[in-house]
Amino acid sequence: MPRFDKVSLISLGILIAFLASWEWILIPALQISPALLPKPSAIIVALWSGLTTGYLLSDTWITLQEVAAGYVVGSLIGFLLAIPIAGSRTAERIFYPYIVALQAIPKVAIAPLFVVWFGFGMSSKIIIVALITFFPVFVNAVIGLRATPPEQLELFDVYGANAWRRFRYLKVPNAAPYVFGGLNVGVTLSVIGAIVAEFVGAQEGIGAAIMRAGFALDTAGVFAAITLLTLIAAGASAGVQALGRHLVFWMNDPNR
């Protein structure tokens, strides 16, 4: 059996064992109230009910739009800003401290301000998601663009390549693995950012669904929404990794 299949089976076995222990050992042994910690079966029922009745589907669609738009905007700005920073130490000394300071500001603290400035609609959520996504993409892109081996740069200079050709055919291919590493981190953070924004002020979205379930003391509904978020983040991360393996094929490990 291939190594990948064995690893997948082991991982699935651990998950099944964990859920079975939670369902038939942990809850009965500790006599935990379902209002505090529901069984996995109750969570699955709540998730299925939310999807089949449609209320979770509409909330999921709203959150997906916020995540997708904010992720694209934040990633694009992060990569574009990394180009001048990576190419100039002067630009780095001028702008990098401000970028780090922006990242250091807790997004939960400034989220209410964005709601005040941009309203309760989707715009404020997209901006928060973009801010959270921006930094990992930016940092990895800067590192990647500076990771070009000097001997390769010298070879391009020998052949008289201009700045655009050095960037397009040398720096970008060398930076691509780093950029996709940042994109992979950013896509999971973008889901968190959307939920944080929805907690602050939203009538729709998975974050709003979690708040509604929490106010109604529907613990199973809260866990169902969290499970759905986990699946979205895992699926998005897997998609980015698959895209990276396809586009950055020259960096693939043949032993994997």
C-alpha atoms as a PDB file:
ATOM      1  CA  MET A   1       0.000   0.000   0.000  1.00  0.00           C
ATOM      2  CA  PRO A   2       1.423   3.449  -0.821  1.00  0.00           C
ATOM      3  CA  ARG A   3       2.744   5.554   1.983  1.00  0.00           C
ATOM      4  CA  PHE A   4       0.138   8.272   1.445  1.00  0.00           C
ATOM      5  CA  ASP A   5      -2.711   5.778   1.864  1.00  0.00           C
ATOM      6  CA  LYS A   6      -1.236   4.431   5.100  1.00  0.00           C
ATOM      7  CA  VAL A   7      -0.882   7.902   6.531  1.00  0.00           C
ATOM      8  CA  SER A   8      -4.437   8.759   5.526  1.00  0.00           C
ATOM      9  CA  LEU A   9      -5.808   5.620   7.153  1.00  0.00           C
ATOM     10  CA  ILE A  10      -3.870   6.275  10.354  1.00  0.00           C
ATOM     11  CA  SER A  11      -5.116   9.858  10.475  1.00  0.00           C
ATOM     12  CA  LEU A  12      -8.704   8.742   9.854  1.00  0.00           C
ATOM     13  CA  GLY A  13      -8.356   6.047  12.524  1.00  0.00           C
ATOM     14  CA  ILE A  14      -7.198   8.594  15.090  1.00  0.00           C
ATOM     15  CA  LEU A  15     -10.162  10.828  14.285  1.00  0.00           C
ATOM     16  CA  ILE A  16     -12.646   7.935  14.585  1.00  0.00           C
ATOM     17  CA  ALA A  17     -11.081   6.804  17.875  1.00  0.00           C
ATOM     18  CA  PHE A  18     -11.252  10.350  19.249  1.00  0.00           C
ATOM     19  CA  LEU A  19     -14.908  10.802  18.281  1.00  0.00           C
ATOM     20  CA  ALA A  20     -15.848   7.355  19.600  1.00  0.00           C
ATOM     21  CA  SER A  21     -14.147   8.068  22.929  1.00  0.00           C
ATOM     22  CA  TRP A  22     -15.939  11.412  23.111  1.00  0.00           C
ATOM     23  CA  GLU A  23     -19.308   9.818  22.291  1.00  0.00           C
ATOM     24  CA  TRP A  24     -19.247   6.633  24.394  1.00  0.00           C
ATOM     25  CA  ILE A  25     -16.590   7.123  27.066  1.00  0.00           C
ATOM     26  CA  LEU A  26     -15.959  10.779  27.938  1.00  0.00           C
ATOM     27  CA  ILE A  27     -19.549  12.075  28.061  1.00  0.00           C
ATOM     28  CA  PRO A  28     -21.104   9.070  29.929  1.00  0.00           C
ATOM     29  CA  ALA A  29     -18.171   8.698  32.328  1.00  0.00           C
ATOM     30  CA  LEU A  30     -18.110  12.350  33.367  1.00  0.00           C
ATOM     31  CA  GLN A  31     -21.891  12.739  33.049  1.00  0.00           C
ATOM     32  CA  ILE A  32     -21.503  16.038  31.209  1.00  0.00           C
ATOM     33  CA  SER A  33     -24.702  17.851  30.365  1.00  0.00           C
ATOM     34  CA  PRO A  34     -25.441  18.197  26.621  1.00  0.00           C
ATOM     35  CA  ALA A  35     -25.924  21.911  27.275  1.00  0.00           C
ATOM     36  CA  LEU A  36     -22.221  22.125  28.133  1.00  0.00           C
ATOM     37  CA  LEU A  37     -20.687  19.602  25.762  1.00  0.00           C
ATOM     38  CA  PRO A  38     -22.849  17.761  23.204  1.00  0.00           C
ATOM     39  CA  LYS A  39     -22.024  14.369  21.783  1.00  0.00           C
ATOM     40  CA  PRO A  40     -20.531  14.162  18.266  1.00  0.00           C
ATOM     41  CA  SER A  41     -23.750  12.510  17.076  1.00  0.00           C
ATOM     42  CA  ALA A  42     -25.750  15.542  18.248  1.00  0.00           C
ATOM     43  CA  ILE A  43     -23.317  17.866  16.494  1.00  0.00           C
ATOM     44  CA  ILE A  44     -23.650  15.907  13.258  1.00  0.00           C
ATOM     45  CA  VAL A  45     -27.446  16.023  13.523  1.00  0.00           C
ATOM     46  CA  ALA A  46     -27.331  19.804  14.105  1.00  0.00           C
ATOM     47  CA  LEU A  47     -24.964  20.278  11.176  1.00  0.00           C
ATOM     48  CA  TRP A  48     -27.111  18.162   8.878  1.00  0.00           C
ATOM     49  CA  SER A  49     -30.251  19.980   9.984  1.00  0.00           C
ATOM     50  CA  GLY A  50     -28.637  23.372   9.377  1.00  0.00           C
ATOM     51  CA  LEU A  51     -27.507  22.383   5.893  1.00  0.00           C
ATOM     52  CA  THR A  52     -30.718  20.676   4.813  1.00  0.00           C
ATOM     53  CA  THR A  53     -33.035  23.389   6.129  1.00  0.00           C
ATOM     54  CA  GLY A  54     -30.867  25.994   4.438  1.00  0.00           C
ATOM     55  CA  TYR A  55     -30.075  28.468   7.197  1.00  0.00           C
ATOM     56  CA  LEU A  56     -26.440  27.381   7.435  1.00  0.00           C
ATOM     57  CA  LEU A  57     -26.106  27.363   3.663  1.00  0.00           C
ATOM     58  CA  SER A  58     -27.003  31.051   3.367  1.00  0.00           C
ATOM     59  CA  ASP A  59     -24.688  31.947   6.256  1.00  0.00           C
ATOM     60  CA  THR A  60     -21.904  29.878   4.714  1.00  0.00           C
ATOM     61  CA  TRP A  61     -22.295  31.646   1.367  1.00  0.00           C
ATOM     62  CA  ILE A  62     -21.939  35.052   3.038  1.00  0.00           C
ATOM     63  CA  THR A  63     -18.822  33.993   4.930  1.00  0.00           C
ATOM     64  CA  LEU A  64     -17.274  32.426   1.832  1.00  0.00           C
ATOM     65  CA  GLN A  65     -17.723  35.680  -0.087  1.00  0.00           C
ATOM     66  CA  GLU A  66     -16.037  37.647   2.700  1.00  0.00           C
ATOM     67  CA  VAL A  67     -13.181  35.151   2.934  1.00  0.00           C
ATOM     68  CA  ALA A  68     -12.610  34.961  -0.830  1.00  0.00           C
ATOM     69  CA  ALA A  69     -12.698  38.716  -1.452  1.00  0.00           C
ATOM     70  CA  GLY A  70     -10.583  39.620   1.571  1.00  0.00           C
ATOM     71  CA  TYR A  71      -8.098  36.844   0.864  1.00  0.00           C
ATOM     72  CA  VAL A  72      -7.555  37.911  -2.741  1.00  0.00           C
ATOM     73  CA  VAL A  73      -7.210  41.600  -1.837  1.00  0.00           C
ATOM     74  CA  GLY A  74      -4.879  40.980   1.106  1.00  0.00           C
ATOM     75  CA  SER A  75      -2.713  38.503  -0.796  1.00  0.00           C
ATOM     76  CA  LEU A  76      -2.411  40.757  -3.827  1.00  0.00           C
ATOM     77  CA  ILE A  77      -1.455  43.814  -1.766  1.00  0.00           C
ATOM     78  CA  GLY A  78       0.985  41.732   0.282  1.00  0.00           C
ATOM     79  CA  PHE A  79       2.794  40.447  -2.793  1.00  0.00           C
ATOM     80  CA  LEU A  80       2.847  43.782  -4.615  1.00  0.00           C
ATOM     81  CA  LEU A  81       4.178  45.622  -1.565  1.00  0.00           C
ATOM     82  CA  ALA A  82       6.813  42.930  -1.031  1.00  0.00           C
ATOM     83  CA  ILE A  83       8.397  43.672  -4.433  1.00  0.00           C
ATOM     84  CA  PRO A  84       9.801  47.143  -3.606  1.00  0.00           C
ATOM     85  CA  ILE A  85      10.576  46.161   0.012  1.00  0.00           C
ATOM     86  CA  ALA A  86      12.562  43.117  -1.107  1.00  0.00           C
ATOM     87  CA  GLY A  87      14.420  45.112  -3.751  1.00  0.00           C
ATOM     88  CA  SER A  88      15.449  48.080  -1.627  1.00  0.00           C
ATOM     89  CA  ARG A  89      16.908  48.189   1.863  1.00  0.00           C
ATOM     90  CA  THR A  90      15.981  51.866   2.023  1.00  0.00           C
ATOM     91  CA  ALA A  91      12.320  51.066   1.321  1.00  0.00           C
ATOM     92  CA  GLU A  92      12.468  48.344   3.966  1.00  0.00           C
ATOM     93  CA  ARG A  93      13.848  50.725   6.599  1.00  0.00           C
ATOM     94  CA  ILE A  94      11.152  53.284   5.800  1.00  0.00           C
ATOM     95  CA  PHE A  95       8.044  51.136   5.505  1.00  0.00           C
ATOM     96  CA  TYR A  96       8.712  47.847   7.343  1.00  0.00           C
ATOM     97  CA  PRO A  97       8.324  49.286  10.892  1.00  0.00           C
ATOM     98  CA  TYR A  98       4.901  50.668   9.983  1.00  0.00           C
ATOM     99  CA  ILE A  99       3.839  47.345   8.496  1.00  0.00           C
ATOM    100  CA  VAL A 100       4.933  45.492  11.635  1.00  0.00           C
ATOM    101  CA  ALA A 101       3.132  48.048  13.804  1.00  0.00           C
ATOM    102  CA  LEU A 102      -0.050  47.518  11.769  1.00  0.00           C
ATOM    103  CA  GLN A 103       0.244  43.779  12.241  1.00  0.00           C
ATOM    104  CA  ALA A 104       0.784  44.183  15.986  1.00  0.00           C
ATOM    105  CA  ILE A 105      -2.574  45.912  16.422  1.00  0.00           C
ATOM    106  CA  PRO A 106      -5.137  43.323  17.595  1.00  0.00           C
ATOM    107  CA  LYS A 107      -7.724  43.009  14.858  1.00  0.00           C
ATOM    108  CA  VAL A 108     -10.407  42.289  17.443  1.00  0.00           C
ATOM    109  CA  ALA A 109      -9.718  45.720  18.952  1.00  0.00           C
ATOM    110  CA  ILE A 110     -10.040  47.637  15.693  1.00  0.00           C
ATOM    111  CA  ALA A 111     -12.873  45.592  14.195  1.00  0.00           C
ATOM    112  CA  PRO A 112     -15.562  47.803  15.815  1.00  0.00           C
ATOM    113  CA  LEU A 113     -13.921  50.850  14.239  1.00  0.00           C
ATOM    114  CA  PHE A 114     -14.166  49.305  10.777  1.00  0.00           C
ATOM    115  CA  VAL A 115     -17.843  48.600  11.404  1.00  0.00           C
ATOM    116  CA  VAL A 116     -18.328  52.272  12.325  1.00  0.00           C
ATOM    117  CA  TRP A 117     -16.331  53.498   9.335  1.00  0.00           C
ATOM    118  CA  PHE A 118     -17.562  51.093   6.667  1.00  0.00           C
ATOM    119  CA  GLY A 119     -20.899  49.923   8.037  1.00  0.00           C
ATOM    120  CA  PHE A 120     -22.371  46.564   8.984  1.00  0.00           C
ATOM    121  CA  GLY A 121     -22.246  45.251   5.421  1.00  0.00           C
ATOM    122  CA  MET A 122     -19.679  43.076   3.743  1.00  0.00           C
ATOM    123  CA  SER A 123     -17.121  45.852   3.144  1.00  0.00           C
ATOM    124  CA  SER A 124     -15.919  46.026   6.747  1.00  0.00           C
ATOM    125  CA  LYS A 125     -15.545  42.235   6.897  1.00  0.00           C
ATOM    126  CA  ILE A 126     -13.560  42.113   3.667  1.00  0.00           C
ATOM    127  CA  ILE A 127     -11.166  44.792   4.926  1.00  0.00           C
ATOM    128  CA  ILE A 128     -10.526  42.933   8.192  1.00  0.00           C
ATOM    129  CA  VAL A 129      -9.935  39.668   6.323  1.00  0.00           C
ATOM    130  CA  ALA A 130      -7.540  41.453   3.955  1.00  0.00           C
ATOM    131  CA  LEU A 131      -5.585  42.927   6.878  1.00  0.00           C
ATOM    132  CA  ILE A 132      -5.198  39.521   8.518  1.00  0.00           C
ATOM    133  CA  THR A 133      -4.234  37.817   5.258  1.00  0.00           C
ATOM    134  CA  PHE A 134      -1.790  40.519   4.195  1.00  0.00           C
ATOM    135  CA  PHE A 135       1.065  39.981   6.647  1.00  0.00           C
ATOM    136  CA  PRO A 136       1.963  36.277   6.152  1.00  0.00           C
ATOM    137  CA  VAL A 137       1.865  36.702   2.373  1.00  0.00           C
ATOM    138  CA  PHE A 138       3.957  39.876   2.562  1.00  0.00           C
ATOM    139  CA  VAL A 139       6.647  38.420   4.848  1.00  0.00           C
ATOM    140  CA  ASN A 140       6.995  35.188   2.881  1.00  0.00           C
ATOM    141  CA  ALA A 141       7.103  37.061  -0.418  1.00  0.00           C
ATOM    142  CA  VAL A 142       9.904  39.322   0.855  1.00  0.00           C
ATOM    143  CA  ILE A 143      11.912  36.323   2.027  1.00  0.00           C
ATOM    144  CA  GLY A 144      11.284  34.487  -1.242  1.00  0.00           C
ATOM    145  CA  LEU A 145      12.222  37.399  -3.476  1.00  0.00           C
ATOM    146  CA  ARG A 146      15.502  37.725  -1.573  1.00  0.00           C
ATOM    147  CA  ALA A 147      16.221  33.989  -1.736  1.00  0.00           C
ATOM    148  CA  THR A 148      17.513  34.068  -5.316  1.00  0.00           C
ATOM    149  CA  PRO A 149      21.025  32.533  -5.407  1.00  0.00           C
ATOM    150  CA  PRO A 150      23.690  35.154  -6.282  1.00  0.00           C
ATOM    151  CA  GLU A 151      25.253  32.914  -8.935  1.00  0.00           C
ATOM    152  CA  GLN A 152      21.955  32.810 -10.809  1.00  0.00           C
ATOM    153  CA  LEU A 153      21.714  36.593 -10.726  1.00  0.00           C
ATOM    154  CA  GLU A 154      25.278  36.807 -12.049  1.00  0.00           C
ATOM    155  CA  LEU A 155      24.413  34.402 -14.868  1.00  0.00           C
ATOM    156  CA  PHE A 156      21.461  36.577 -15.907  1.00  0.00           C
ATOM    157  CA  ASP A 157      23.734  39.626 -15.798  1.00  0.00           C
ATOM    158  CA  VAL A 158      26.233  37.875 -18.071  1.00  0.00           C
ATOM    159  CA  TYR A 159      23.504  37.337 -20.653  1.00  0.00           C
ATOM    160  CA  GLY A 160      22.393  40.961 -20.334  1.00  0.00           C
ATOM    161  CA  ALA A 161      18.956  40.307 -18.880  1.00  0.00           C
ATOM    162  CA  ASN A 162      17.098  43.454 -17.896  1.00  0.00           C
ATOM    163  CA  ALA A 163      15.380  44.001 -14.540  1.00  0.00           C
ATOM    164  CA  TRP A 164      12.011  42.697 -15.763  1.00  0.00           C
ATOM    165  CA  ARG A 165      13.478  39.449 -17.082  1.00  0.00           C
ATOM    166  CA  ARG A 166      15.410  38.902 -13.862  1.00  0.00           C
ATOM    167  CA  PHE A 167      12.205  39.421 -11.909  1.00  0.00           C
ATOM    168  CA  ARG A 168       9.921  37.379 -14.177  1.00  0.00           C
ATOM    169  CA  TYR A 169      12.169  34.415 -14.959  1.00  0.00           C
ATOM    170  CA  LEU A 170      14.394  34.238 -11.886  1.00  0.00           C
ATOM    171  CA  LYS A 171      13.092  35.955  -8.765  1.00  0.00           C
ATOM    172  CA  VAL A 172       9.433  34.968  -9.100  1.00  0.00           C
ATOM    173  CA  PRO A 173      10.151  31.234  -9.669  1.00  0.00           C
ATOM    174  CA  ASN A 174      12.525  31.212  -6.692  1.00  0.00           C
ATOM    175  CA  ALA A 175      10.022  33.082  -4.529  1.00  0.00           C
ATOM    176  CA  ALA A 176       6.990  30.994  -5.533  1.00  0.00           C
ATOM    177  CA  PRO A 177       7.395  28.270  -2.854  1.00  0.00           C
ATOM    178  CA  TYR A 178       7.692  30.929  -0.156  1.00  0.00           C
ATOM    179  CA  VAL A 179       4.709  32.833  -1.525  1.00  0.00           C
ATOM    180  CA  PHE A 180       2.533  29.733  -1.514  1.00  0.00           C
ATOM    181  CA  GLY A 181       3.643  29.055   2.050  1.00  0.00           C
ATOM    182  CA  GLY A 182       2.334  32.493   2.974  1.00  0.00           C
ATOM    183  CA  LEU A 183      -0.838  31.928   0.961  1.00  0.00           C
ATOM    184  CA  ASN A 184      -1.465  28.684   2.823  1.00  0.00           C
ATOM    185  CA  VAL A 185      -1.109  30.406   6.200  1.00  0.00           C
ATOM    186  CA  GLY A 186      -3.169  33.357   5.006  1.00  0.00           C
ATOM    187  CA  VAL A 187      -6.105  31.287   3.796  1.00  0.00           C
ATOM    188  CA  THR A 188      -6.670  29.755   7.233  1.00  0.00           C
ATOM    189  CA  LEU A 189      -6.256  33.128   8.924  1.00  0.00           C
ATOM    190  CA  SER A 190      -8.753  34.635   6.481  1.00  0.00           C
ATOM    191  CA  VAL A 191     -11.469  32.325   7.818  1.00  0.00           C
ATOM    192  CA  ILE A 192     -10.653  33.414  11.366  1.00  0.00           C
ATOM    193  CA  GLY A 193     -10.711  37.052  10.286  1.00  0.00           C
ATOM    194  CA  ALA A 194     -14.151  36.720   8.744  1.00  0.00           C
ATOM    195  CA  ILE A 195     -15.573  35.184  11.919  1.00  0.00           C
ATOM    196  CA  VAL A 196     -13.980  37.861  14.121  1.00  0.00           C
ATOM    197  CA  ALA A 197     -15.526  40.534  11.910  1.00  0.00           C
ATOM    198  CA  GLU A 198     -18.930  38.844  12.038  1.00  0.00           C
ATOM    199  CA  PHE A 199     -18.795  38.608  15.826  1.00  0.00           C
ATOM    200  CA  VAL A 200     -18.440  42.388  16.037  1.00  0.00           C
ATOM    201  CA  GLY A 201     -21.438  43.233  13.925  1.00  0.00           C
ATOM    202  CA  ALA A 202     -23.253  41.055  11.422  1.00  0.00           C
ATOM    203  CA  GLN A 203     -26.711  39.668  10.859  1.00  0.00           C
ATOM    204  CA  GLU A 204     -25.539  36.979   8.437  1.00  0.00           C
ATOM    205  CA  GLY A 205     -22.589  34.624   8.172  1.00  0.00           C
ATOM    206  CA  ILE A 206     -21.304  31.655  10.156  1.00  0.00           C
ATOM    207  CA  GLY A 207     -20.068  33.968  12.915  1.00  0.00           C
ATOM    208  CA  ALA A 208     -23.575  35.359  13.273  1.00  0.00           C
ATOM    209  CA  ALA A 209     -24.935  31.795  13.300  1.00  0.00           C
ATOM    210  CA  ILE A 210     -22.572  30.936  16.166  1.00  0.00           C
ATOM    211  CA  MET A 211     -23.761  33.993  18.087  1.00  0.00           C
ATOM    212  CA  ARG A 212     -27.422  33.110  17.517  1.00  0.00           C
ATOM    213  CA  ALA A 213     -26.881  29.519  18.634  1.00  0.00           C
ATOM    214  CA  GLY A 214     -24.955  30.669  21.692  1.00  0.00           C
ATOM    215  CA  PHE A 215     -27.704  33.082  22.764  1.00  0.00           C
ATOM    216  CA  ALA A 216     -30.246  30.271  22.326  1.00  0.00           C
ATOM    217  CA  LEU A 217     -28.054  27.931  24.446  1.00  0.00           C
ATOM    218  CA  ASP A 218     -27.878  25.611  21.444  1.00  0.00           C
ATOM    219  CA  THR A 219     -24.439  24.155  22.143  1.00  0.00           C
ATOM    220  CA  ALA A 220     -24.779  21.535  19.426  1.00  0.00           C
ATOM    221  CA  GLY A 221     -25.535  24.314  16.931  1.00  0.00           C
ATOM    222  CA  VAL A 222     -22.409  26.203  18.025  1.00  0.00           C
ATOM    223  CA  PHE A 223     -20.269  23.107  17.549  1.00  0.00           C
ATOM    224  CA  ALA A 224     -21.937  22.415  14.201  1.00  0.00           C
ATOM    225  CA  ALA A 225     -21.012  25.885  12.933  1.00  0.00           C
ATOM    226  CA  ILE A 226     -17.461  25.485  14.249  1.00  0.00           C
ATOM    227  CA  THR A 227     -17.209  22.120  12.498  1.00  0.00           C
ATOM    228  CA  LEU A 228     -18.333  23.744   9.271  1.00  0.00           C
ATOM    229  CA  LEU A 229     -15.667  26.445   9.690  1.00  0.00           C
ATOM    230  CA  THR A 230     -13.043  23.770  10.240  1.00  0.00           C
ATOM    231  CA  LEU A 231     -14.067  21.997   7.055  1.00  0.00           C
ATOM    232  CA  ILE A 232     -13.963  25.272   5.098  1.00  0.00           C
ATOM    233  CA  ALA A 233     -10.496  26.175   6.394  1.00  0.00           C
ATOM    234  CA  ALA A 234      -9.165  22.663   5.785  1.00  0.00           C
ATOM    235  CA  GLY A 235     -10.616  22.561   2.278  1.00  0.00           C
ATOM    236  CA  ALA A 236      -9.247  26.003   1.407  1.00  0.00           C
ATOM    237  CA  SER A 237      -5.805  25.071   2.714  1.00  0.00           C
ATOM    238  CA  ALA A 238      -5.833  21.819   0.757  1.00  0.00           C
ATOM    239  CA  GLY A 239      -6.840  23.736  -2.368  1.00  0.00           C
ATOM    240  CA  VAL A 240      -3.986  26.232  -1.989  1.00  0.00           C
ATOM    241  CA  GLN A 241      -1.497  23.402  -1.403  1.00  0.00           C
ATOM    242  CA  ALA A 242      -2.744  21.525  -4.458  1.00  0.00           C
ATOM    243  CA  LEU A 243      -2.491  24.673  -6.569  1.00  0.00           C
ATOM    244  CA  GLY A 244       1.017  25.246  -5.275  1.00  0.00           C
ATOM    245  CA  ARG A 245       2.086  21.713  -6.159  1.00  0.00           C
ATOM    246  CA  HIS A 246       0.671  22.196  -9.642  1.00  0.00           C
ATOM    247  CA  LEU A 247       2.153  25.618 -10.352  1.00  0.00           C
ATOM    248  CA  VAL A 248       5.444  25.231  -8.488  1.00  0.00           C
ATOM    249  CA  PHE A 249       6.040  21.741  -9.825  1.00  0.00           C
ATOM    250  CA  TRP A 250       9.815  22.192  -9.998  1.00  0.00           C
ATOM    251  CA  MET A 251       9.991  22.333  -6.192  1.00  0.00           C
ATOM    252  CA  ASN A 252       7.967  19.161  -5.564  1.00  0.00           C
ATOM    253  CA  ASP A 253       9.631  16.524  -3.422  1.00  0.00           C
ATOM    254  CA  PRO A 254       9.771  13.288  -5.503  1.00  0.00           C
ATOM    255  CA  ASN A 255       9.817  11.191  -2.312  1.00  0.00           C
ATOM    256  CA  ARG A 256       6.486  12.516  -1.076  1.00  0.00           C
END
